Amino acid sequence: MNKILLVEDDSSLIDGLEYSLKKNDFLVTTARTTAEALAQLTFPISFDLLILDVTLPDGTGFSICEKVRAKDSQIPILFLTASDEEVNVIRGLDCGGDDYVTKPFKIGELCSRIHALLRRSKPASSLTFGSLSIDTAANRVSVEGRSIDLTKAEYRLLCLLVRNTGIVVTRERILDELWDHTGNFVDDNTLSVYIRRLREKLEPDPAHPRYLITVRGFGYKWNEQI
């Protein structure tokens, strides 16, 4: 069972989250202040994921995140925020957060985000989502046991999206993580071509994709199931 540290000062929200997360097979420890949270965070950290409220009685979730990232760059950190204002989102991600959920939220959405972050944090030799299987050691992809021939760029793009299942991956992040750092320039039009080719190879009906979803104005998301 994965261990989660929940840092939140709203008692009613804590009760509901504890109950729901435990029903989803998570072990939950709670802290109501930054001081309580930091007292729980001995290094190496014994938790698998942190959920941090932004506003706390004696500080912010941002300060906790910064202290954790100074010693641990791997543990997934998810922010809970009462506002989806861009400045809060940017600050949370800039200080080392991996994702955020805006209050009020549905517990199903929160659990999907948690599962996605936990999958990303644990290296594996294979990735399996329903009928889709990716052998990362051999760089092979199959759907329902049928081998799928992908180019190197298509394969890297698919792995990035699948490792972030349920989370919107921006076009900027895709271009930066997959190509820009290698010095190979790929523009938006080329990325659109790669997306179309992946759909043609993986979707039952490429014209009406069920798995590789476009989030207009932001980027792309791989659905939870295939």
C-alpha atoms as a PDB file:
ATOM      1  CA  MET A   1       0.000   0.000   0.000  1.00  0.00           C
ATOM      2  CA  ASN A   2       1.265   3.461  -0.900  1.00  0.00           C
ATOM      3  CA  LYS A   3       1.816   5.917   1.951  1.00  0.00           C
ATOM      4  CA  ILE A   4       0.544   9.467   1.521  1.00  0.00           C
ATOM      5  CA  LEU A   5       1.203  12.527   3.660  1.00  0.00           C
ATOM      6  CA  LEU A   6      -1.832  14.825   3.484  1.00  0.00           C
ATOM      7  CA  VAL A   7      -1.120  18.403   4.600  1.00  0.00           C
ATOM      8  CA  GLU A   8      -4.434  20.225   4.989  1.00  0.00           C
ATOM      9  CA  ASP A   9      -5.957  22.423   7.714  1.00  0.00           C
ATOM     10  CA  ASP A  10      -9.664  22.060   6.845  1.00  0.00           C
ATOM     11  CA  SER A  11     -10.995  19.450   9.301  1.00  0.00           C
ATOM     12  CA  SER A  12     -14.072  18.563   7.251  1.00  0.00           C
ATOM     13  CA  LEU A  13     -11.986  18.086   4.118  1.00  0.00           C
ATOM     14  CA  ILE A  14      -9.418  16.007   6.020  1.00  0.00           C
ATOM     15  CA  ASP A  15     -12.123  13.615   7.273  1.00  0.00           C
ATOM     16  CA  GLY A  16     -13.540  13.117   3.788  1.00  0.00           C
ATOM     17  CA  LEU A  17     -10.160  12.697   2.119  1.00  0.00           C
ATOM     18  CA  GLU A  18      -8.862  10.278   4.739  1.00  0.00           C
ATOM     19  CA  TYR A  19     -11.948   8.112   4.360  1.00  0.00           C
ATOM     20  CA  SER A  20     -11.881   8.139   0.555  1.00  0.00           C
ATOM     21  CA  LEU A  21      -8.133   7.592   0.199  1.00  0.00           C
ATOM     22  CA  LYS A  22      -8.179   4.694   2.649  1.00  0.00           C
ATOM     23  CA  LYS A  23     -11.043   3.129   0.691  1.00  0.00           C
ATOM     24  CA  ASN A  24      -8.762   3.357  -2.337  1.00  0.00           C
ATOM     25  CA  ASP A  25      -6.061   1.393  -0.474  1.00  0.00           C
ATOM     26  CA  PHE A  26      -3.774   4.261   0.522  1.00  0.00           C
ATOM     27  CA  LEU A  27      -2.196   4.643   3.947  1.00  0.00           C
ATOM     28  CA  VAL A  28      -2.789   8.250   5.005  1.00  0.00           C
ATOM     29  CA  THR A  29      -0.954  10.396   7.542  1.00  0.00           C
ATOM     30  CA  THR A  30      -2.243  13.922   8.111  1.00  0.00           C
ATOM     31  CA  ALA A  31      -0.666  17.206   9.165  1.00  0.00           C
ATOM     32  CA  ARG A  32      -2.512  20.478   9.686  1.00  0.00           C
ATOM     33  CA  THR A  33       0.423  22.927   9.650  1.00  0.00           C
ATOM     34  CA  THR A  34       3.802  23.305   7.976  1.00  0.00           C
ATOM     35  CA  ALA A  35       5.467  22.569  11.316  1.00  0.00           C
ATOM     36  CA  GLU A  36       3.574  19.277  11.692  1.00  0.00           C
ATOM     37  CA  ALA A  37       4.344  18.355   8.095  1.00  0.00           C
ATOM     38  CA  LEU A  38       8.064  19.011   8.391  1.00  0.00           C
ATOM     39  CA  ALA A  39       8.166  17.016  11.633  1.00  0.00           C
ATOM     40  CA  GLN A  40       6.793  14.029   9.666  1.00  0.00           C
ATOM     41  CA  LEU A  41       9.261  14.461   6.814  1.00  0.00           C
ATOM     42  CA  THR A  42      12.411  12.827   8.104  1.00  0.00           C
ATOM     43  CA  PHE A  43      14.943  12.016   5.396  1.00  0.00           C
ATOM     44  CA  PRO A  44      15.001   9.712   3.576  1.00  0.00           C
ATOM     45  CA  ILE A  45      11.267  10.322   3.211  1.00  0.00           C
ATOM     46  CA  SER A  46       9.137   7.315   4.114  1.00  0.00           C
ATOM     47  CA  PHE A  47       6.093   8.479   2.134  1.00  0.00           C
ATOM     48  CA  ASP A  48       5.339   7.629  -1.500  1.00  0.00           C
ATOM     49  CA  LEU A  49       3.502  10.883  -2.282  1.00  0.00           C
ATOM     50  CA  LEU A  50       2.736  14.267  -0.701  1.00  0.00           C
ATOM     51  CA  ILE A  51      -0.562  16.159  -1.001  1.00  0.00           C
ATOM     52  CA  LEU A  52      -0.056  19.787   0.018  1.00  0.00           C
ATOM     53  CA  ASP A  53      -2.663  22.465   0.586  1.00  0.00           C
ATOM     54  CA  VAL A  54      -1.389  25.840  -0.600  1.00  0.00           C
ATOM     55  CA  THR A  55      -2.612  27.939   2.356  1.00  0.00           C
ATOM     56  CA  LEU A  56      -1.797  26.749   5.887  1.00  0.00           C
ATOM     57  CA  PRO A  57      -2.058  28.472   9.302  1.00  0.00           C
ATOM     58  CA  ASP A  58       1.709  28.923   9.680  1.00  0.00           C
ATOM     59  CA  GLY A  59       2.879  29.094   6.072  1.00  0.00           C
ATOM     60  CA  THR A  60       2.249  27.589   2.652  1.00  0.00           C
ATOM     61  CA  GLY A  61       2.535  24.304   0.858  1.00  0.00           C
ATOM     62  CA  PHE A  62       5.049  26.021  -1.416  1.00  0.00           C
ATOM     63  CA  SER A  63       7.569  26.324   1.436  1.00  0.00           C
ATOM     64  CA  ILE A  64       7.153  22.638   2.326  1.00  0.00           C
ATOM     65  CA  CYS A  65       7.689  21.696  -1.312  1.00  0.00           C
ATOM     66  CA  GLU A  66      10.855  23.780  -1.565  1.00  0.00           C
ATOM     67  CA  LYS A  67      12.326  22.209   1.591  1.00  0.00           C
ATOM     68  CA  VAL A  68      11.517  18.706   0.343  1.00  0.00           C
ATOM     69  CA  ARG A  69      12.953  19.340  -3.117  1.00  0.00           C
ATOM     70  CA  ALA A  70      16.232  20.554  -1.571  1.00  0.00           C
ATOM     71  CA  LYS A  71      16.772  16.977  -0.366  1.00  0.00           C
ATOM     72  CA  ASP A  72      14.522  14.756  -2.496  1.00  0.00           C
ATOM     73  CA  SER A  73      13.933  15.378  -6.183  1.00  0.00           C
ATOM     74  CA  GLN A  74      11.893  12.233  -6.852  1.00  0.00           C
ATOM     75  CA  ILE A  75       8.915  12.025  -4.495  1.00  0.00           C
ATOM     76  CA  PRO A  76       5.672  13.056  -6.261  1.00  0.00           C
ATOM     77  CA  ILE A  77       4.063  16.232  -4.900  1.00  0.00           C
ATOM     78  CA  LEU A  78       0.475  17.237  -5.656  1.00  0.00           C
ATOM     79  CA  PHE A  79      -0.953  20.621  -4.644  1.00  0.00           C
ATOM     80  CA  LEU A  80      -4.511  21.280  -3.500  1.00  0.00           C
ATOM     81  CA  THR A  81      -5.523  24.842  -4.247  1.00  0.00           C
ATOM     82  CA  ALA A  82      -8.731  26.767  -3.714  1.00  0.00           C
ATOM     83  CA  SER A  83      -7.941  28.822  -6.787  1.00  0.00           C
ATOM     84  CA  ASP A  84      -6.891  27.921 -10.302  1.00  0.00           C
ATOM     85  CA  GLU A  85      -5.325  31.327 -10.799  1.00  0.00           C
ATOM     86  CA  GLU A  86      -2.371  30.975 -13.121  1.00  0.00           C
ATOM     87  CA  VAL A  87       0.057  32.601 -10.667  1.00  0.00           C
ATOM     88  CA  ASN A  88      -0.613  29.898  -8.040  1.00  0.00           C
ATOM     89  CA  VAL A  89      -0.360  27.101 -10.560  1.00  0.00           C
ATOM     90  CA  ILE A  90       2.931  28.429 -11.934  1.00  0.00           C
ATOM     91  CA  ARG A  91       4.411  28.966  -8.484  1.00  0.00           C
ATOM     92  CA  GLY A  92       3.484  25.443  -7.404  1.00  0.00           C
ATOM     93  CA  LEU A  93       5.061  23.859 -10.467  1.00  0.00           C
ATOM     94  CA  ASP A  94       8.114  26.141 -10.354  1.00  0.00           C
ATOM     95  CA  CYS A  95       8.917  25.230  -6.758  1.00  0.00           C
ATOM     96  CA  GLY A  96       8.910  21.537  -7.584  1.00  0.00           C
ATOM     97  CA  GLY A  97       5.287  20.372  -7.602  1.00  0.00           C
ATOM     98  CA  ASP A  98       4.273  17.703 -10.104  1.00  0.00           C
ATOM     99  CA  ASP A  99       0.559  18.411 -10.408  1.00  0.00           C
ATOM    100  CA  TYR A 100      -2.320  20.319  -8.819  1.00  0.00           C
ATOM    101  CA  VAL A 101      -6.032  19.846  -8.207  1.00  0.00           C
ATOM    102  CA  THR A 102      -8.406  22.773  -7.755  1.00  0.00           C
ATOM    103  CA  LYS A 103     -10.988  22.746  -4.952  1.00  0.00           C
ATOM    104  CA  PRO A 104     -13.735  21.666  -5.088  1.00  0.00           C
ATOM    105  CA  PHE A 105     -12.720  18.417  -6.777  1.00  0.00           C
ATOM    106  CA  LYS A 106     -14.096  14.932  -7.284  1.00  0.00           C
ATOM    107  CA  ILE A 107     -12.341  12.166  -5.372  1.00  0.00           C
ATOM    108  CA  GLY A 108     -12.174  10.095  -8.555  1.00  0.00           C
ATOM    109  CA  GLU A 109     -10.194  12.824 -10.276  1.00  0.00           C
ATOM    110  CA  LEU A 110      -7.836  13.126  -7.306  1.00  0.00           C
ATOM    111  CA  CYS A 111      -7.221   9.369  -7.192  1.00  0.00           C
ATOM    112  CA  SER A 112      -6.538   9.298 -10.943  1.00  0.00           C
ATOM    113  CA  ARG A 113      -3.946  12.049 -10.531  1.00  0.00           C
ATOM    114  CA  ILE A 114      -2.361  10.204  -7.587  1.00  0.00           C
ATOM    115  CA  HIS A 115      -2.133   6.935  -9.503  1.00  0.00           C
ATOM    116  CA  ALA A 116      -0.616   8.720 -12.501  1.00  0.00           C
ATOM    117  CA  LEU A 117       2.047  10.400 -10.331  1.00  0.00           C
ATOM    118  CA  LEU A 118       2.890   7.136  -8.569  1.00  0.00           C
ATOM    119  CA  ARG A 119       3.300   5.343 -11.904  1.00  0.00           C
ATOM    120  CA  ARG A 120       5.640   8.070 -13.144  1.00  0.00           C
ATOM    121  CA  SER A 121       7.781   7.849 -10.016  1.00  0.00           C
ATOM    122  CA  LYS A 122       8.439   4.120 -10.264  1.00  0.00           C
ATOM    123  CA  PRO A 123      10.699   2.991 -13.101  1.00  0.00           C
ATOM    124  CA  ALA A 124       9.541  -0.146 -14.828  1.00  0.00           C
ATOM    125  CA  SER A 125      10.681  -2.342 -17.693  1.00  0.00           C
ATOM    126  CA  SER A 126       7.163  -2.405 -19.106  1.00  0.00           C
ATOM    127  CA  LEU A 127       4.037  -0.255 -19.123  1.00  0.00           C
ATOM    128  CA  THR A 128       0.625  -1.886 -19.452  1.00  0.00           C
ATOM    129  CA  PHE A 129      -2.708  -0.107 -19.747  1.00  0.00           C
ATOM    130  CA  GLY A 130      -5.571  -2.384 -20.728  1.00  0.00           C
ATOM    131  CA  SER A 131      -4.727  -3.865 -24.132  1.00  0.00           C
ATOM    132  CA  LEU A 132      -1.740  -1.544 -24.678  1.00  0.00           C
ATOM    133  CA  SER A 133       1.692  -2.883 -23.685  1.00  0.00           C
ATOM    134  CA  ILE A 134       5.016  -1.056 -23.925  1.00  0.00           C
ATOM    135  CA  ASP A 135       8.231  -3.030 -23.396  1.00  0.00           C
ATOM    136  CA  THR A 136      10.591  -0.200 -22.452  1.00  0.00           C
ATOM    137  CA  ALA A 137      13.624  -2.482 -22.377  1.00  0.00           C
ATOM    138  CA  ALA A 138      13.130  -3.596 -25.970  1.00  0.00           C
ATOM    139  CA  ASN A 139      11.315  -0.446 -27.195  1.00  0.00           C
ATOM    140  CA  ARG A 140       8.377  -2.518 -28.423  1.00  0.00           C
ATOM    141  CA  VAL A 141       4.675  -1.612 -28.449  1.00  0.00           C
ATOM    142  CA  SER A 142       1.718  -3.934 -28.875  1.00  0.00           C
ATOM    143  CA  VAL A 143      -2.070  -3.677 -28.708  1.00  0.00           C
ATOM    144  CA  GLU A 144      -4.029  -6.869 -27.952  1.00  0.00           C
ATOM    145  CA  GLY A 145      -0.825  -8.802 -28.619  1.00  0.00           C
ATOM    146  CA  ARG A 146      -0.411  -7.247 -32.069  1.00  0.00           C
ATOM    147  CA  SER A 147       2.964  -5.568 -32.606  1.00  0.00           C
ATOM    148  CA  ILE A 148       2.773  -1.888 -33.574  1.00  0.00           C
ATOM    149  CA  ASP A 149       5.540  -0.390 -35.712  1.00  0.00           C
ATOM    150  CA  LEU A 150       6.440   3.095 -34.442  1.00  0.00           C
ATOM    151  CA  THR A 151       9.180   5.494 -35.408  1.00  0.00           C
ATOM    152  CA  LYS A 152      11.618   6.569 -32.700  1.00  0.00           C
ATOM    153  CA  ALA A 153       9.863   9.925 -32.294  1.00  0.00           C
ATOM    154  CA  GLU A 154       6.399   8.316 -32.144  1.00  0.00           C
ATOM    155  CA  TYR A 155       7.610   5.845 -29.526  1.00  0.00           C
ATOM    156  CA  ARG A 156       9.090   8.559 -27.319  1.00  0.00           C
ATOM    157  CA  LEU A 157       5.936  10.645 -27.616  1.00  0.00           C
ATOM    158  CA  LEU A 158       3.732   7.678 -26.698  1.00  0.00           C
ATOM    159  CA  CYS A 159       5.859   6.838 -23.640  1.00  0.00           C
ATOM    160  CA  LEU A 160       5.680  10.440 -22.417  1.00  0.00           C
ATOM    161  CA  LEU A 161       1.883  10.534 -22.739  1.00  0.00           C
ATOM    162  CA  VAL A 162       1.323   7.093 -21.206  1.00  0.00           C
ATOM    163  CA  ARG A 163       3.590   7.825 -18.236  1.00  0.00           C
ATOM    164  CA  ASN A 164       1.362  10.858 -17.598  1.00  0.00           C
ATOM    165  CA  THR A 165      -1.916   8.995 -18.049  1.00  0.00           C
ATOM    166  CA  GLY A 166      -4.866  11.145 -17.014  1.00  0.00           C
ATOM    167  CA  ILE A 167      -2.781  14.352 -16.966  1.00  0.00           C
ATOM    168  CA  VAL A 168      -2.734  17.003 -19.683  1.00  0.00           C
ATOM    169  CA  VAL A 169       0.745  17.277 -21.191  1.00  0.00           C
ATOM    170  CA  THR A 170       1.217  20.673 -22.820  1.00  0.00           C
ATOM    171  CA  ARG A 171       2.544  20.992 -26.352  1.00  0.00           C
ATOM    172  CA  GLU A 172       5.395  23.102 -24.973  1.00  0.00           C
ATOM    173  CA  ARG A 173       6.417  20.390 -22.531  1.00  0.00           C
ATOM    174  CA  ILE A 174       6.283  17.727 -25.235  1.00  0.00           C
ATOM    175  CA  LEU A 175       8.520  19.739 -27.549  1.00  0.00           C
ATOM    176  CA  ASP A 176      10.911  20.617 -24.725  1.00  0.00           C
ATOM    177  CA  GLU A 177      11.228  17.153 -23.172  1.00  0.00           C
ATOM    178  CA  LEU A 178      11.366  15.118 -26.359  1.00  0.00           C
ATOM    179  CA  TRP A 179      13.310  17.242 -28.775  1.00  0.00           C
ATOM    180  CA  ASP A 180      14.497  20.727 -27.819  1.00  0.00           C
ATOM    181  CA  HIS A 181      17.192  19.563 -25.413  1.00  0.00           C
ATOM    182  CA  THR A 182      18.740  17.406 -28.155  1.00  0.00           C
ATOM    183  CA  GLY A 183      19.014  20.348 -30.528  1.00  0.00           C
ATOM    184  CA  ASN A 184      16.498  18.913 -32.968  1.00  0.00           C
ATOM    185  CA  PHE A 185      13.801  21.482 -33.681  1.00  0.00           C
ATOM    186  CA  VAL A 186      10.247  20.221 -34.122  1.00  0.00           C
ATOM    187  CA  ASP A 187       7.442  22.713 -34.660  1.00  0.00           C
ATOM    188  CA  ASP A 188       3.751  22.486 -33.810  1.00  0.00           C
ATOM    189  CA  ASN A 189       2.821  21.223 -37.262  1.00  0.00           C
ATOM    190  CA  THR A 190       5.264  18.323 -37.017  1.00  0.00           C
ATOM    191  CA  LEU A 191       3.953  17.421 -33.569  1.00  0.00           C
ATOM    192  CA  SER A 192       0.423  17.361 -34.986  1.00  0.00           C
ATOM    193  CA  VAL A 193       1.616  14.893 -37.628  1.00  0.00           C
ATOM    194  CA  TYR A 194       3.069  12.601 -34.937  1.00  0.00           C
ATOM    195  CA  ILE A 195      -0.195  12.757 -32.996  1.00  0.00           C
ATOM    196  CA  ARG A 196      -2.202  11.869 -36.100  1.00  0.00           C
ATOM    197  CA  ARG A 197       0.098   8.926 -36.915  1.00  0.00           C
ATOM    198  CA  LEU A 198      -0.166   7.549 -33.366  1.00  0.00           C
ATOM    199  CA  ARG A 199      -3.938   7.682 -33.593  1.00  0.00           C
ATOM    200  CA  GLU A 200      -3.901   5.894 -36.939  1.00  0.00           C
ATOM    201  CA  LYS A 201      -1.798   3.110 -35.436  1.00  0.00           C
ATOM    202  CA  LEU A 202      -3.454   2.791 -32.010  1.00  0.00           C
ATOM    203  CA  GLU A 203      -7.046   4.062 -32.184  1.00  0.00           C
ATOM    204  CA  PRO A 204      -9.915   1.825 -33.412  1.00  0.00           C
ATOM    205  CA  ASP A 205     -11.407   4.963 -35.015  1.00  0.00           C
ATOM    206  CA  PRO A 206      -8.675   7.604 -35.509  1.00  0.00           C
ATOM    207  CA  ALA A 207     -11.239  10.216 -36.551  1.00  0.00           C
ATOM    208  CA  HIS A 208     -12.922   9.868 -33.138  1.00  0.00           C
ATOM    209  CA  PRO A 209     -10.073   9.153 -30.709  1.00  0.00           C
ATOM    210  CA  ARG A 210     -10.894   7.534 -27.382  1.00  0.00           C
ATOM    211  CA  TYR A 211      -7.408   7.329 -25.888  1.00  0.00           C
ATOM    212  CA  LEU A 212      -5.127  10.055 -27.262  1.00  0.00           C
ATOM    213  CA  ILE A 213      -7.245  13.107 -26.507  1.00  0.00           C
ATOM    214  CA  THR A 214      -6.654  16.695 -27.641  1.00  0.00           C
ATOM    215  CA  VAL A 215      -7.243  19.269 -24.892  1.00  0.00           C
ATOM    216  CA  ARG A 216      -7.754  22.375 -26.962  1.00  0.00           C
ATOM    217  CA  GLY A 217      -5.525  25.296 -26.090  1.00  0.00           C
ATOM    218  CA  PHE A 218      -3.293  23.161 -23.846  1.00  0.00           C
ATOM    219  CA  GLY A 219      -1.993  19.904 -25.264  1.00  0.00           C
ATOM    220  CA  TYR A 220      -2.781  16.197 -25.123  1.00  0.00           C
ATOM    221  CA  LYS A 221      -3.907  13.590 -22.606  1.00  0.00           C
ATOM    222  CA  TRP A 222      -3.755   9.803 -22.627  1.00  0.00           C
ATOM    223  CA  ASN A 223      -6.990   8.375 -21.232  1.00  0.00           C
ATOM    224  CA  GLU A 224      -6.948   6.000 -18.266  1.00  0.00           C
ATOM    225  CA  GLN A 225      -8.006   2.932 -20.241  1.00  0.00           C
ATOM    226  CA  ILE A 226      -7.371   1.481 -23.670  1.00  0.00           C
END
